[in-house]
Amino acid sequence: MHPVRLMAVYTTPDPEELAALCRRLGLGAPNAVVPVAAGVENSTWFLTLPATPSAGRWVLTIVENREFSELLYPAALCAALHDAGLPVPPPRADSAGHLVHRLAGKPALLVPLAPGEHLPTPLPEHCAAIGDFLGRMHGLRLALPAPRPNPFGRAWLERTAAALEPDFGAVNNALLARQLDRYRRLEAADAQPQGPIHADLFRDNALFSAGRLSAVIDFHSACHDWLLLDVAIALHDWAGIAGDALDTPRANALLHAYARQRPFTGDERRAWPDVLCLAAARFWASRALALLAPADEVTGRAPKDPEEYRARLLACEGVRSNHLLPVAHGGTP
């Protein structure tokens, strides 16, 4: 996503250029190329490559509206997590070890198609699998390129607030201003553990097969930031209730599973209500911003309703945001 405007531009790869790329990756020319209609920000294609019968199909992503350099950190993170034994499809490297390629003048990634399906209605055990994944991921010590700052951090929220301000109304502007105050206080304290985060682990970025987590995908927003922010972002989607705060059984399942892998610090416990609000504010603001995009710039899915996350933010600002503080395994909320 662009720092201020949401734009979805879809790219059809030139067949000869695509075949040349696949050959450079040791996969042979594709004998089937099928577009994936669900793409919103990027162009996605399923490829069938004859040189890899065991892998079957592959996923080609042409990344729109991001610089080549922005993909180096996410691609390296995916490869490192795969090597560490986590269910993350690794980007295909060329003979020089490069994970990010160019296609139609844009960054491109090619990964094996992972098995499984998205879950429209997760159960506590599915939420526990997500918490376990994040806890394991956050507990790793990985050799990665220079840390990538969060593209949706405080600076982005400030720019977005300025873009929304003229037509947002006094109440909404005040609500967003409170979140920016939270951000500044937490950054000034500088007490939160940081590391690589997925930053967008919603249900549509996880696959389950036979009830088990089979893959976590779409690391395009991955960056170096507060580990707790990654937990809060995931919790909002996996345990969120429309028009309300969070479903307690699903939230507790995710948080307890996480804490078994990486116990939360005291500073994280104290910051939890604020970080939970900031995660909700990010998606409220980004959805509100998407509604400002001209109609001819929005393709694929219709923009999502920002009211869902505005309601969630208001709920999290109240007392209900405190009854789900992360706890270590065996502890009590």
C-alpha atoms as a PDB file:
ATOM      1  CA  MET A   1       0.000   0.000   0.000  1.00  0.00           C
ATOM      2  CA  HIS A   2       1.139   3.531  -0.774  1.00  0.00           C
ATOM      3  CA  PRO A   3       1.743   5.612   2.397  1.00  0.00           C
ATOM      4  CA  VAL A   4      -1.367   7.732   1.770  1.00  0.00           C
ATOM      5  CA  ARG A   5      -3.403   6.384  -1.150  1.00  0.00           C
ATOM      6  CA  LEU A   6      -4.712   2.910  -1.803  1.00  0.00           C
ATOM      7  CA  MET A   7      -4.209   1.803  -5.385  1.00  0.00           C
ATOM      8  CA  ALA A   8      -4.670  -1.603  -6.976  1.00  0.00           C
ATOM      9  CA  VAL A   9      -2.970  -1.890 -10.384  1.00  0.00           C
ATOM     10  CA  TYR A  10      -2.901  -5.328 -11.946  1.00  0.00           C
ATOM     11  CA  THR A  11      -0.079  -6.508 -14.183  1.00  0.00           C
ATOM     12  CA  THR A  12      -0.219  -9.280 -16.773  1.00  0.00           C
ATOM     13  CA  PRO A  13       3.257 -10.796 -17.250  1.00  0.00           C
ATOM     14  CA  ASP A  14       4.663 -11.090 -20.737  1.00  0.00           C
ATOM     15  CA  PRO A  15       4.734 -14.843 -21.532  1.00  0.00           C
ATOM     16  CA  GLU A  16       8.299 -14.789 -22.867  1.00  0.00           C
ATOM     17  CA  GLU A  17       9.615 -12.746 -19.941  1.00  0.00           C
ATOM     18  CA  LEU A  18       7.853 -15.027 -17.478  1.00  0.00           C
ATOM     19  CA  ALA A  19       9.218 -18.148 -19.167  1.00  0.00           C
ATOM     20  CA  ALA A  20      12.731 -16.689 -19.062  1.00  0.00           C
ATOM     21  CA  LEU A  21      12.398 -15.973 -15.341  1.00  0.00           C
ATOM     22  CA  CYS A  22      11.172 -19.485 -14.587  1.00  0.00           C
ATOM     23  CA  ARG A  23      14.046 -20.965 -16.554  1.00  0.00           C
ATOM     24  CA  ARG A  24      16.541 -18.823 -14.611  1.00  0.00           C
ATOM     25  CA  LEU A  25      15.048 -20.264 -11.451  1.00  0.00           C
ATOM     26  CA  GLY A  26      15.591 -23.796 -12.737  1.00  0.00           C
ATOM     27  CA  LEU A  27      11.886 -24.520 -13.087  1.00  0.00           C
ATOM     28  CA  GLY A  28      11.359 -24.628 -16.838  1.00  0.00           C
ATOM     29  CA  ALA A  29       8.767 -22.639 -18.765  1.00  0.00           C
ATOM     30  CA  PRO A  30       5.244 -22.735 -17.292  1.00  0.00           C
ATOM     31  CA  ASN A  31       2.637 -24.728 -19.176  1.00  0.00           C
ATOM     32  CA  ALA A  32      -0.286 -23.055 -17.354  1.00  0.00           C
ATOM     33  CA  VAL A  33      -0.713 -19.517 -16.006  1.00  0.00           C
ATOM     34  CA  VAL A  34      -3.968 -18.744 -14.169  1.00  0.00           C
ATOM     35  CA  PRO A  35      -4.825 -15.371 -12.591  1.00  0.00           C
ATOM     36  CA  VAL A  36      -5.997 -15.279  -8.977  1.00  0.00           C
ATOM     37  CA  ALA A  37      -9.042 -13.035  -8.817  1.00  0.00           C
ATOM     38  CA  ALA A  38      -8.817 -12.465  -5.055  1.00  0.00           C
ATOM     39  CA  GLY A  39      -5.799 -10.163  -5.297  1.00  0.00           C
ATOM     40  CA  VAL A  40      -6.311  -6.637  -3.974  1.00  0.00           C
ATOM     41  CA  GLU A  41      -2.951  -4.880  -3.708  1.00  0.00           C
ATOM     42  CA  ASN A  42      -0.832  -7.183  -5.879  1.00  0.00           C
ATOM     43  CA  SER A  43      -1.094  -9.268  -9.040  1.00  0.00           C
ATOM     44  CA  THR A  44      -1.163 -12.983  -8.243  1.00  0.00           C
ATOM     45  CA  TRP A  45      -0.975 -15.959 -10.608  1.00  0.00           C
ATOM     46  CA  PHE A  46      -0.939 -19.731 -10.256  1.00  0.00           C
ATOM     47  CA  LEU A  47       1.723 -21.416 -12.378  1.00  0.00           C
ATOM     48  CA  THR A  48       2.089 -25.055 -13.325  1.00  0.00           C
ATOM     49  CA  LEU A  49       5.763 -25.816 -13.902  1.00  0.00           C
ATOM     50  CA  PRO A  50       6.749 -29.101 -15.547  1.00  0.00           C
ATOM     51  CA  ALA A  51      10.199 -29.198 -13.962  1.00  0.00           C
ATOM     52  CA  THR A  52       8.739 -29.559 -10.464  1.00  0.00           C
ATOM     53  CA  PRO A  53       6.164 -32.370 -10.485  1.00  0.00           C
ATOM     54  CA  SER A  54       6.515 -32.875  -6.726  1.00  0.00           C
ATOM     55  CA  ALA A  55       5.712 -29.232  -5.998  1.00  0.00           C
ATOM     56  CA  GLY A  56       2.862 -29.070  -8.492  1.00  0.00           C
ATOM     57  CA  ARG A  57       1.687 -25.485  -8.687  1.00  0.00           C
ATOM     58  CA  TRP A  58       3.469 -22.297  -7.783  1.00  0.00           C
ATOM     59  CA  VAL A  59       2.307 -18.826  -6.833  1.00  0.00           C
ATOM     60  CA  LEU A  60       3.699 -15.828  -8.686  1.00  0.00           C
ATOM     61  CA  THR A  61       3.190 -12.452  -7.032  1.00  0.00           C
ATOM     62  CA  ILE A  62       3.961  -9.239  -8.877  1.00  0.00           C
ATOM     63  CA  VAL A  63       4.139  -6.657  -6.129  1.00  0.00           C
ATOM     64  CA  GLU A  64       2.444  -3.383  -7.018  1.00  0.00           C
ATOM     65  CA  ASN A  65       3.274   0.048  -5.584  1.00  0.00           C
ATOM     66  CA  ARG A  66       6.367  -1.017  -3.651  1.00  0.00           C
ATOM     67  CA  GLU A  67      10.021  -0.584  -4.375  1.00  0.00           C
ATOM     68  CA  PHE A  68      12.256  -3.569  -5.049  1.00  0.00           C
ATOM     69  CA  SER A  69      14.263  -2.821  -1.890  1.00  0.00           C
ATOM     70  CA  GLU A  70      11.123  -3.028   0.278  1.00  0.00           C
ATOM     71  CA  LEU A  71      10.726  -6.730  -0.544  1.00  0.00           C
ATOM     72  CA  LEU A  72      14.241  -7.810   0.418  1.00  0.00           C
ATOM     73  CA  TYR A  73      13.506  -8.001   4.148  1.00  0.00           C
ATOM     74  CA  PRO A  74      10.163  -9.865   3.855  1.00  0.00           C
ATOM     75  CA  ALA A  75      11.631 -12.346   1.361  1.00  0.00           C
ATOM     76  CA  ALA A  76      14.656 -13.033   3.562  1.00  0.00           C
ATOM     77  CA  LEU A  77      12.368 -13.468   6.566  1.00  0.00           C
ATOM     78  CA  CYS A  78      10.238 -16.055   4.739  1.00  0.00           C
ATOM     79  CA  ALA A  79      13.328 -18.033   3.757  1.00  0.00           C
ATOM     80  CA  ALA A  80      14.716 -17.909   7.295  1.00  0.00           C
ATOM     81  CA  LEU A  81      11.439 -18.997   8.873  1.00  0.00           C
ATOM     82  CA  HIS A  82      11.150 -21.891   6.432  1.00  0.00           C
ATOM     83  CA  ASP A  83      14.707 -22.955   7.255  1.00  0.00           C
ATOM     84  CA  ALA A  84      13.813 -22.799  10.955  1.00  0.00           C
ATOM     85  CA  GLY A  85      11.020 -25.322  10.396  1.00  0.00           C
ATOM     86  CA  LEU A  86       8.009 -23.019  10.446  1.00  0.00           C
ATOM     87  CA  PRO A  87       5.222 -23.512   7.870  1.00  0.00           C
ATOM     88  CA  VAL A  88       6.193 -20.642   5.582  1.00  0.00           C
ATOM     89  CA  PRO A  89       6.591 -21.242   1.813  1.00  0.00           C
ATOM     90  CA  PRO A  90      10.093 -20.069   0.834  1.00  0.00           C
ATOM     91  CA  PRO A  91      10.646 -17.746  -2.145  1.00  0.00           C
ATOM     92  CA  ARG A  92      12.486 -19.429  -4.999  1.00  0.00           C
ATOM     93  CA  ALA A  93      16.051 -18.151  -5.300  1.00  0.00           C
ATOM     94  CA  ASP A  94      18.074 -17.803  -8.488  1.00  0.00           C
ATOM     95  CA  SER A  95      21.592 -19.169  -8.896  1.00  0.00           C
ATOM     96  CA  ALA A  96      23.015 -16.101  -7.148  1.00  0.00           C
ATOM     97  CA  GLY A  97      20.714 -16.531  -4.158  1.00  0.00           C
ATOM     98  CA  HIS A  98      18.429 -13.621  -5.000  1.00  0.00           C
ATOM     99  CA  LEU A  99      14.894 -14.120  -3.672  1.00  0.00           C
ATOM    100  CA  VAL A 100      13.240 -11.060  -5.223  1.00  0.00           C
ATOM    101  CA  HIS A 101      13.085 -10.852  -9.014  1.00  0.00           C
ATOM    102  CA  ARG A 102      11.842  -8.399 -11.630  1.00  0.00           C
ATOM    103  CA  LEU A 103       8.918  -8.939 -13.949  1.00  0.00           C
ATOM    104  CA  ALA A 104       7.256  -6.228 -16.027  1.00  0.00           C
ATOM    105  CA  GLY A 105       9.612  -3.802 -14.292  1.00  0.00           C
ATOM    106  CA  LYS A 106       8.186  -4.657 -10.860  1.00  0.00           C
ATOM    107  CA  PRO A 107       9.311  -6.807  -7.921  1.00  0.00           C
ATOM    108  CA  ALA A 108       8.204 -10.413  -8.221  1.00  0.00           C
ATOM    109  CA  LEU A 109       8.254 -13.459  -5.947  1.00  0.00           C
ATOM    110  CA  LEU A 110       7.708 -17.108  -6.800  1.00  0.00           C
ATOM    111  CA  VAL A 111       6.805 -19.584  -4.048  1.00  0.00           C
ATOM    112  CA  PRO A 112       5.411 -23.126  -4.030  1.00  0.00           C
ATOM    113  CA  LEU A 113       1.640 -23.281  -3.587  1.00  0.00           C
ATOM    114  CA  ALA A 114       0.978 -24.352  -0.014  1.00  0.00           C
ATOM    115  CA  PRO A 115      -1.748 -26.870   0.833  1.00  0.00           C
ATOM    116  CA  GLY A 116      -4.816 -25.941   2.823  1.00  0.00           C
ATOM    117  CA  GLU A 117      -7.675 -23.477   2.951  1.00  0.00           C
ATOM    118  CA  HIS A 118      -8.578 -20.240   4.703  1.00  0.00           C
ATOM    119  CA  LEU A 119     -10.872 -20.454   7.725  1.00  0.00           C
ATOM    120  CA  PRO A 120     -13.914 -18.161   7.623  1.00  0.00           C
ATOM    121  CA  THR A 121     -14.878 -19.044  11.215  1.00  0.00           C
ATOM    122  CA  PRO A 122     -11.904 -20.057  13.370  1.00  0.00           C
ATOM    123  CA  LEU A 123     -12.297 -22.083  16.547  1.00  0.00           C
ATOM    124  CA  PRO A 124     -10.140 -21.675  19.678  1.00  0.00           C
ATOM    125  CA  GLU A 125      -7.837 -24.474  18.530  1.00  0.00           C
ATOM    126  CA  HIS A 126      -7.152 -22.622  15.277  1.00  0.00           C
ATOM    127  CA  CYS A 127      -6.407 -19.444  17.225  1.00  0.00           C
ATOM    128  CA  ALA A 128      -4.045 -21.438  19.414  1.00  0.00           C
ATOM    129  CA  ALA A 129      -2.156 -22.563  16.299  1.00  0.00           C
ATOM    130  CA  ILE A 130      -1.718 -18.926  15.263  1.00  0.00           C
ATOM    131  CA  GLY A 131      -0.509 -17.966  18.727  1.00  0.00           C
ATOM    132  CA  ASP A 132       1.934 -20.872  18.727  1.00  0.00           C
ATOM    133  CA  PHE A 133       3.255 -19.823  15.309  1.00  0.00           C
ATOM    134  CA  LEU A 134       3.797 -16.209  16.356  1.00  0.00           C
ATOM    135  CA  GLY A 135       5.402 -17.218  19.648  1.00  0.00           C
ATOM    136  CA  ARG A 136       7.819 -19.541  17.864  1.00  0.00           C
ATOM    137  CA  MET A 137       8.564 -16.934  15.207  1.00  0.00           C
ATOM    138  CA  HIS A 138       9.192 -14.183  17.741  1.00  0.00           C
ATOM    139  CA  GLY A 139      11.445 -16.435  19.801  1.00  0.00           C
ATOM    140  CA  LEU A 140      13.864 -17.073  16.940  1.00  0.00           C
ATOM    141  CA  ARG A 141      17.182 -15.303  16.441  1.00  0.00           C
ATOM    142  CA  LEU A 142      17.490 -14.853  12.695  1.00  0.00           C
ATOM    143  CA  ALA A 143      20.189 -13.485  10.424  1.00  0.00           C
ATOM    144  CA  LEU A 144      18.324 -10.942   8.301  1.00  0.00           C
ATOM    145  CA  PRO A 145      19.101  -7.865   6.201  1.00  0.00           C
ATOM    146  CA  ALA A 146      18.976  -4.406   7.748  1.00  0.00           C
ATOM    147  CA  PRO A 147      15.692  -4.069   9.674  1.00  0.00           C
ATOM    148  CA  ARG A 148      12.805  -2.687   7.672  1.00  0.00           C
ATOM    149  CA  PRO A 149      10.828  -0.016   9.570  1.00  0.00           C
ATOM    150  CA  ASN A 150       7.103  -0.565   9.845  1.00  0.00           C
ATOM    151  CA  PRO A 151       5.504   0.977   6.719  1.00  0.00           C
ATOM    152  CA  PHE A 152       2.302   1.379   8.758  1.00  0.00           C
ATOM    153  CA  GLY A 153       3.889   2.788  11.906  1.00  0.00           C
ATOM    154  CA  ARG A 154       3.395   6.117  13.626  1.00  0.00           C
ATOM    155  CA  ALA A 155       4.631   8.203  10.684  1.00  0.00           C
ATOM    156  CA  TRP A 156       2.097   6.510   8.391  1.00  0.00           C
ATOM    157  CA  LEU A 157      -0.698   7.033  10.913  1.00  0.00           C
ATOM    158  CA  GLU A 158       0.176  10.721  11.188  1.00  0.00           C
ATOM    159  CA  ARG A 159       0.071  11.143   7.407  1.00  0.00           C
ATOM    160  CA  THR A 160      -3.173   9.207   7.214  1.00  0.00           C
ATOM    161  CA  ALA A 161      -4.746  11.287   9.981  1.00  0.00           C
ATOM    162  CA  ALA A 162      -3.841  14.439   8.056  1.00  0.00           C
ATOM    163  CA  ALA A 163      -5.373  13.042   4.859  1.00  0.00           C
ATOM    164  CA  LEU A 164      -8.590  12.061   6.646  1.00  0.00           C
ATOM    165  CA  GLU A 165      -8.938  15.174   8.818  1.00  0.00           C
ATOM    166  CA  PRO A 166     -10.864  17.497   6.457  1.00  0.00           C
ATOM    167  CA  ASP A 167     -13.897  15.194   6.143  1.00  0.00           C
ATOM    168  CA  PHE A 168     -13.487  12.908   9.147  1.00  0.00           C
ATOM    169  CA  GLY A 169     -15.489  14.891  11.687  1.00  0.00           C
ATOM    170  CA  ALA A 170     -14.522  16.176  15.109  1.00  0.00           C
ATOM    171  CA  VAL A 171     -15.304  12.949  16.983  1.00  0.00           C
ATOM    172  CA  ASN A 172     -13.299  10.724  14.626  1.00  0.00           C
ATOM    173  CA  ASN A 173     -10.408  13.172  14.474  1.00  0.00           C
ATOM    174  CA  ALA A 174     -10.262  13.245  18.268  1.00  0.00           C
ATOM    175  CA  LEU A 175     -10.367   9.436  18.422  1.00  0.00           C
ATOM    176  CA  LEU A 176      -7.484   9.160  15.982  1.00  0.00           C
ATOM    177  CA  ALA A 177      -5.538  11.871  17.816  1.00  0.00           C
ATOM    178  CA  ARG A 178      -5.769   9.829  21.028  1.00  0.00           C
ATOM    179  CA  GLN A 179      -4.197   6.880  19.242  1.00  0.00           C
ATOM    180  CA  LEU A 180      -1.318   9.029  18.027  1.00  0.00           C
ATOM    181  CA  ASP A 181      -0.772  10.130  21.631  1.00  0.00           C
ATOM    182  CA  ARG A 182      -0.603   6.448  22.627  1.00  0.00           C
ATOM    183  CA  TYR A 183       1.964   5.819  19.910  1.00  0.00           C
ATOM    184  CA  ARG A 184       4.169   8.707  21.007  1.00  0.00           C
ATOM    185  CA  ARG A 185       4.066   7.649  24.669  1.00  0.00           C
ATOM    186  CA  LEU A 186       5.032   4.070  23.881  1.00  0.00           C
ATOM    187  CA  GLU A 187       7.807   5.117  21.518  1.00  0.00           C
ATOM    188  CA  ALA A 188       9.172   7.533  24.121  1.00  0.00           C
ATOM    189  CA  ALA A 189       9.216   4.780  26.756  1.00  0.00           C
ATOM    190  CA  ASP A 190      11.141   2.481  24.351  1.00  0.00           C
ATOM    191  CA  ALA A 191      10.389  -0.546  26.534  1.00  0.00           C
ATOM    192  CA  GLN A 192       8.773  -2.982  24.113  1.00  0.00           C
ATOM    193  CA  PRO A 193      10.727  -5.989  22.769  1.00  0.00           C
ATOM    194  CA  GLN A 194      11.194  -5.696  19.017  1.00  0.00           C
ATOM    195  CA  GLY A 195      11.995  -8.070  16.207  1.00  0.00           C
ATOM    196  CA  PRO A 196      10.699  -9.376  12.871  1.00  0.00           C
ATOM    197  CA  ILE A 197       6.894  -9.319  12.667  1.00  0.00           C
ATOM    198  CA  HIS A 198       4.417 -10.463  10.029  1.00  0.00           C
ATOM    199  CA  ALA A 199       2.299  -7.341  10.655  1.00  0.00           C
ATOM    200  CA  ASP A 200      -0.768  -8.661   8.786  1.00  0.00           C
ATOM    201  CA  LEU A 201      -1.538 -12.162  10.048  1.00  0.00           C
ATOM    202  CA  PHE A 202      -5.244 -12.133   9.276  1.00  0.00           C
ATOM    203  CA  ARG A 203      -7.267 -15.243   8.476  1.00  0.00           C
ATOM    204  CA  ASP A 204      -6.722 -14.789   4.747  1.00  0.00           C
ATOM    205  CA  ASN A 205      -2.965 -15.078   5.308  1.00  0.00           C
ATOM    206  CA  ALA A 206      -3.084 -18.499   6.961  1.00  0.00           C
ATOM    207  CA  LEU A 207      -3.967 -21.902   5.547  1.00  0.00           C
ATOM    208  CA  PHE A 208      -5.208 -24.954   7.439  1.00  0.00           C
ATOM    209  CA  SER A 209      -5.257 -28.550   6.279  1.00  0.00           C
ATOM    210  CA  ALA A 210      -6.997 -31.317   8.259  1.00  0.00           C
ATOM    211  CA  GLY A 211      -7.366 -28.897  11.166  1.00  0.00           C
ATOM    212  CA  ARG A 212      -3.663 -28.065  11.334  1.00  0.00           C
ATOM    213  CA  LEU A 213      -1.892 -24.869  10.348  1.00  0.00           C
ATOM    214  CA  SER A 214      -0.274 -25.698   7.001  1.00  0.00           C
ATOM    215  CA  ALA A 215       1.093 -22.316   5.921  1.00  0.00           C
ATOM    216  CA  VAL A 216       1.413 -18.647   6.818  1.00  0.00           C
ATOM    217  CA  ILE A 217       1.670 -16.486   3.703  1.00  0.00           C
ATOM    218  CA  ASP A 218       1.803 -12.894   2.430  1.00  0.00           C
ATOM    219  CA  PHE A 219       4.682 -11.356   4.349  1.00  0.00           C
ATOM    220  CA  HIS A 220       4.711  -8.234   2.160  1.00  0.00           C
ATOM    221  CA  SER A 221       4.102  -5.983   5.194  1.00  0.00           C
ATOM    222  CA  ALA A 222       6.718  -7.771   7.329  1.00  0.00           C
ATOM    223  CA  CYS A 223       9.008  -5.425   9.194  1.00  0.00           C
ATOM    224  CA  HIS A 224      10.945  -4.859  12.417  1.00  0.00           C
ATOM    225  CA  ASP A 225       8.683  -3.538  15.173  1.00  0.00           C
ATOM    226  CA  TRP A 226       7.130  -4.345  18.552  1.00  0.00           C
ATOM    227  CA  LEU A 227       6.465  -8.066  18.862  1.00  0.00           C
ATOM    228  CA  LEU A 228       3.335  -7.259  20.835  1.00  0.00           C
ATOM    229  CA  LEU A 229       1.916  -5.328  17.878  1.00  0.00           C
ATOM    230  CA  ASP A 230       2.058  -8.509  15.782  1.00  0.00           C
ATOM    231  CA  VAL A 231       0.068 -10.338  18.457  1.00  0.00           C
ATOM    232  CA  ALA A 232      -2.530  -7.560  18.674  1.00  0.00           C
ATOM    233  CA  ILE A 233      -3.009  -7.399  14.896  1.00  0.00           C
ATOM    234  CA  ALA A 234      -3.551 -11.148  14.660  1.00  0.00           C
ATOM    235  CA  LEU A 235      -5.844 -11.202  17.698  1.00  0.00           C
ATOM    236  CA  HIS A 236      -8.192  -8.604  16.232  1.00  0.00           C
ATOM    237  CA  ASP A 237      -8.965 -10.766  13.208  1.00  0.00           C
ATOM    238  CA  TRP A 238      -8.819 -14.234  14.761  1.00  0.00           C
ATOM    239  CA  ALA A 239     -10.778 -13.372  17.907  1.00  0.00           C
ATOM    240  CA  GLY A 240     -12.687 -10.260  16.897  1.00  0.00           C
ATOM    241  CA  ILE A 241     -16.444  -9.936  17.206  1.00  0.00           C
ATOM    242  CA  ALA A 242     -18.267  -7.630  14.803  1.00  0.00           C
ATOM    243  CA  GLY A 243     -19.353  -4.484  16.619  1.00  0.00           C
ATOM    244  CA  ASP A 244     -17.647  -5.566  19.838  1.00  0.00           C
ATOM    245  CA  ALA A 245     -14.227  -6.234  21.298  1.00  0.00           C
ATOM    246  CA  LEU A 246     -12.890  -9.798  21.410  1.00  0.00           C
ATOM    247  CA  ASP A 247     -14.197 -13.315  21.902  1.00  0.00           C
ATOM    248  CA  THR A 248     -12.671 -14.465  25.193  1.00  0.00           C
ATOM    249  CA  PRO A 249     -12.190 -18.213  24.442  1.00  0.00           C
ATOM    250  CA  ARG A 250     -10.540 -17.546  21.091  1.00  0.00           C
ATOM    251  CA  ALA A 251      -8.423 -14.685  22.445  1.00  0.00           C
ATOM    252  CA  ASN A 252      -7.244 -16.684  25.445  1.00  0.00           C
ATOM    253  CA  ALA A 253      -6.387 -19.651  23.237  1.00  0.00           C
ATOM    254  CA  LEU A 254      -4.182 -17.503  21.025  1.00  0.00           C
ATOM    255  CA  LEU A 255      -2.509 -15.658  23.901  1.00  0.00           C
ATOM    256  CA  HIS A 256      -1.842 -18.718  26.060  1.00  0.00           C
ATOM    257  CA  ALA A 257      -0.373 -20.626  23.104  1.00  0.00           C
ATOM    258  CA  TYR A 258       1.864 -17.656  22.340  1.00  0.00           C
ATOM    259  CA  ALA A 259       3.027 -17.338  25.944  1.00  0.00           C
ATOM    260  CA  ARG A 260       4.028 -21.000  26.032  1.00  0.00           C
ATOM    261  CA  GLN A 261       6.574 -20.202  23.324  1.00  0.00           C
ATOM    262  CA  ARG A 262       7.573 -16.692  24.427  1.00  0.00           C
ATOM    263  CA  PRO A 263       6.345 -15.337  27.782  1.00  0.00           C
ATOM    264  CA  PHE A 264       5.203 -11.727  27.720  1.00  0.00           C
ATOM    265  CA  THR A 265       7.304  -9.205  29.622  1.00  0.00           C
ATOM    266  CA  GLY A 266       6.008  -6.939  32.350  1.00  0.00           C
ATOM    267  CA  ASP A 267       6.332  -3.954  30.047  1.00  0.00           C
ATOM    268  CA  GLU A 268       4.248  -5.752  27.434  1.00  0.00           C
ATOM    269  CA  ARG A 269       1.527  -6.509  29.978  1.00  0.00           C
ATOM    270  CA  ARG A 270       1.340  -2.858  30.940  1.00  0.00           C
ATOM    271  CA  ALA A 271       1.336  -1.710  27.307  1.00  0.00           C
ATOM    272  CA  TRP A 272      -1.217  -4.276  26.112  1.00  0.00           C
ATOM    273  CA  PRO A 273      -4.364  -2.089  26.191  1.00  0.00           C
ATOM    274  CA  ASP A 274      -2.544   0.659  24.268  1.00  0.00           C
ATOM    275  CA  VAL A 275      -1.093  -1.701  21.662  1.00  0.00           C
ATOM    276  CA  LEU A 276      -4.457  -3.396  21.200  1.00  0.00           C
ATOM    277  CA  CYS A 277      -5.938   0.036  20.453  1.00  0.00           C
ATOM    278  CA  LEU A 278      -3.131   0.925  18.041  1.00  0.00           C
ATOM    279  CA  ALA A 279      -3.658  -2.285  16.062  1.00  0.00           C
ATOM    280  CA  ALA A 280      -7.364  -1.488  15.714  1.00  0.00           C
ATOM    281  CA  ALA A 281      -6.555   2.116  14.765  1.00  0.00           C
ATOM    282  CA  ARG A 282      -4.290   0.980  11.934  1.00  0.00           C
ATOM    283  CA  PHE A 283      -7.048  -0.947  10.184  1.00  0.00           C
ATOM    284  CA  TRP A 284      -9.735   1.601  10.938  1.00  0.00           C
ATOM    285  CA  ALA A 285      -7.590   4.326   9.401  1.00  0.00           C
ATOM    286  CA  SER A 286      -6.465   2.269   6.402  1.00  0.00           C
ATOM    287  CA  ARG A 287     -10.042   1.277   5.558  1.00  0.00           C
ATOM    288  CA  ALA A 288     -11.244   4.853   5.935  1.00  0.00           C
ATOM    289  CA  LEU A 289      -8.418   5.967   3.666  1.00  0.00           C
ATOM    290  CA  ALA A 290      -9.373   3.376   1.055  1.00  0.00           C
ATOM    291  CA  LEU A 291     -12.803   4.974   0.761  1.00  0.00           C
ATOM    292  CA  LEU A 292     -11.133   8.184  -0.426  1.00  0.00           C
ATOM    293  CA  ALA A 293      -9.547   6.475  -3.434  1.00  0.00           C
ATOM    294  CA  PRO A 294     -11.153   7.395  -6.775  1.00  0.00           C
ATOM    295  CA  ALA A 295     -13.478   4.697  -8.071  1.00  0.00           C
ATOM    296  CA  ASP A 296     -11.256   3.921 -11.064  1.00  0.00           C
ATOM    297  CA  GLU A 297      -8.359   3.113  -8.719  1.00  0.00           C
ATOM    298  CA  VAL A 298     -10.227   0.464  -6.777  1.00  0.00           C
ATOM    299  CA  THR A 299     -10.460  -2.930  -8.408  1.00  0.00           C
ATOM    300  CA  GLY A 300     -10.898  -6.451  -7.152  1.00  0.00           C
ATOM    301  CA  ARG A 301     -12.751  -6.532  -3.836  1.00  0.00           C
ATOM    302  CA  ALA A 302     -14.840  -3.592  -2.692  1.00  0.00           C
ATOM    303  CA  PRO A 303     -13.257  -1.479   0.072  1.00  0.00           C
ATOM    304  CA  LYS A 304     -13.936  -2.914   3.517  1.00  0.00           C
ATOM    305  CA  ASP A 305     -16.136  -1.093   6.009  1.00  0.00           C
ATOM    306  CA  PRO A 306     -13.975   0.934   8.431  1.00  0.00           C
ATOM    307  CA  GLU A 307     -16.788   0.916  11.018  1.00  0.00           C
ATOM    308  CA  GLU A 308     -15.833  -2.623  12.101  1.00  0.00           C
ATOM    309  CA  TYR A 309     -12.492  -1.441  13.426  1.00  0.00           C
ATOM    310  CA  ARG A 310     -13.815   1.868  14.714  1.00  0.00           C
ATOM    311  CA  ALA A 311     -16.239  -0.087  16.901  1.00  0.00           C
ATOM    312  CA  ARG A 312     -13.434  -2.437  17.943  1.00  0.00           C
ATOM    313  CA  LEU A 313     -11.220   0.513  18.842  1.00  0.00           C
ATOM    314  CA  LEU A 314     -13.920   2.087  20.993  1.00  0.00           C
ATOM    315  CA  ALA A 315     -14.498  -1.241  22.751  1.00  0.00           C
ATOM    316  CA  CYS A 316     -10.776  -1.649  23.382  1.00  0.00           C
ATOM    317  CA  GLU A 317     -10.543   1.856  24.802  1.00  0.00           C
ATOM    318  CA  GLY A 318     -13.023   0.825  27.486  1.00  0.00           C
ATOM    319  CA  VAL A 319     -12.602  -1.461  30.430  1.00  0.00           C
ATOM    320  CA  ARG A 320     -13.048  -4.573  28.274  1.00  0.00           C
ATOM    321  CA  SER A 321      -9.587  -4.052  26.792  1.00  0.00           C
ATOM    322  CA  ASN A 322      -8.026  -5.022  30.131  1.00  0.00           C
ATOM    323  CA  HIS A 323      -9.530  -8.475  30.736  1.00  0.00           C
ATOM    324  CA  LEU A 324      -7.413 -10.132  28.034  1.00  0.00           C
ATOM    325  CA  LEU A 325      -3.928  -9.149  29.148  1.00  0.00           C
ATOM    326  CA  PRO A 326      -1.328 -11.620  27.859  1.00  0.00           C
ATOM    327  CA  VAL A 327      -0.311 -14.122  30.491  1.00  0.00           C
ATOM    328  CA  ALA A 328       2.510 -16.620  30.781  1.00  0.00           C
ATOM    329  CA  HIS A 329       1.628 -20.301  30.564  1.00  0.00           C
ATOM    330  CA  GLY A 330       0.133 -21.418  33.827  1.00  0.00           C
ATOM    331  CA  GLY A 331      -0.606 -17.879  34.990  1.00  0.00           C
ATOM    332  CA  THR A 332      -3.921 -16.129  35.399  1.00  0.00           C
ATOM    333  CA  PRO A 333      -5.242 -13.018  33.628  1.00  0.00           C
END
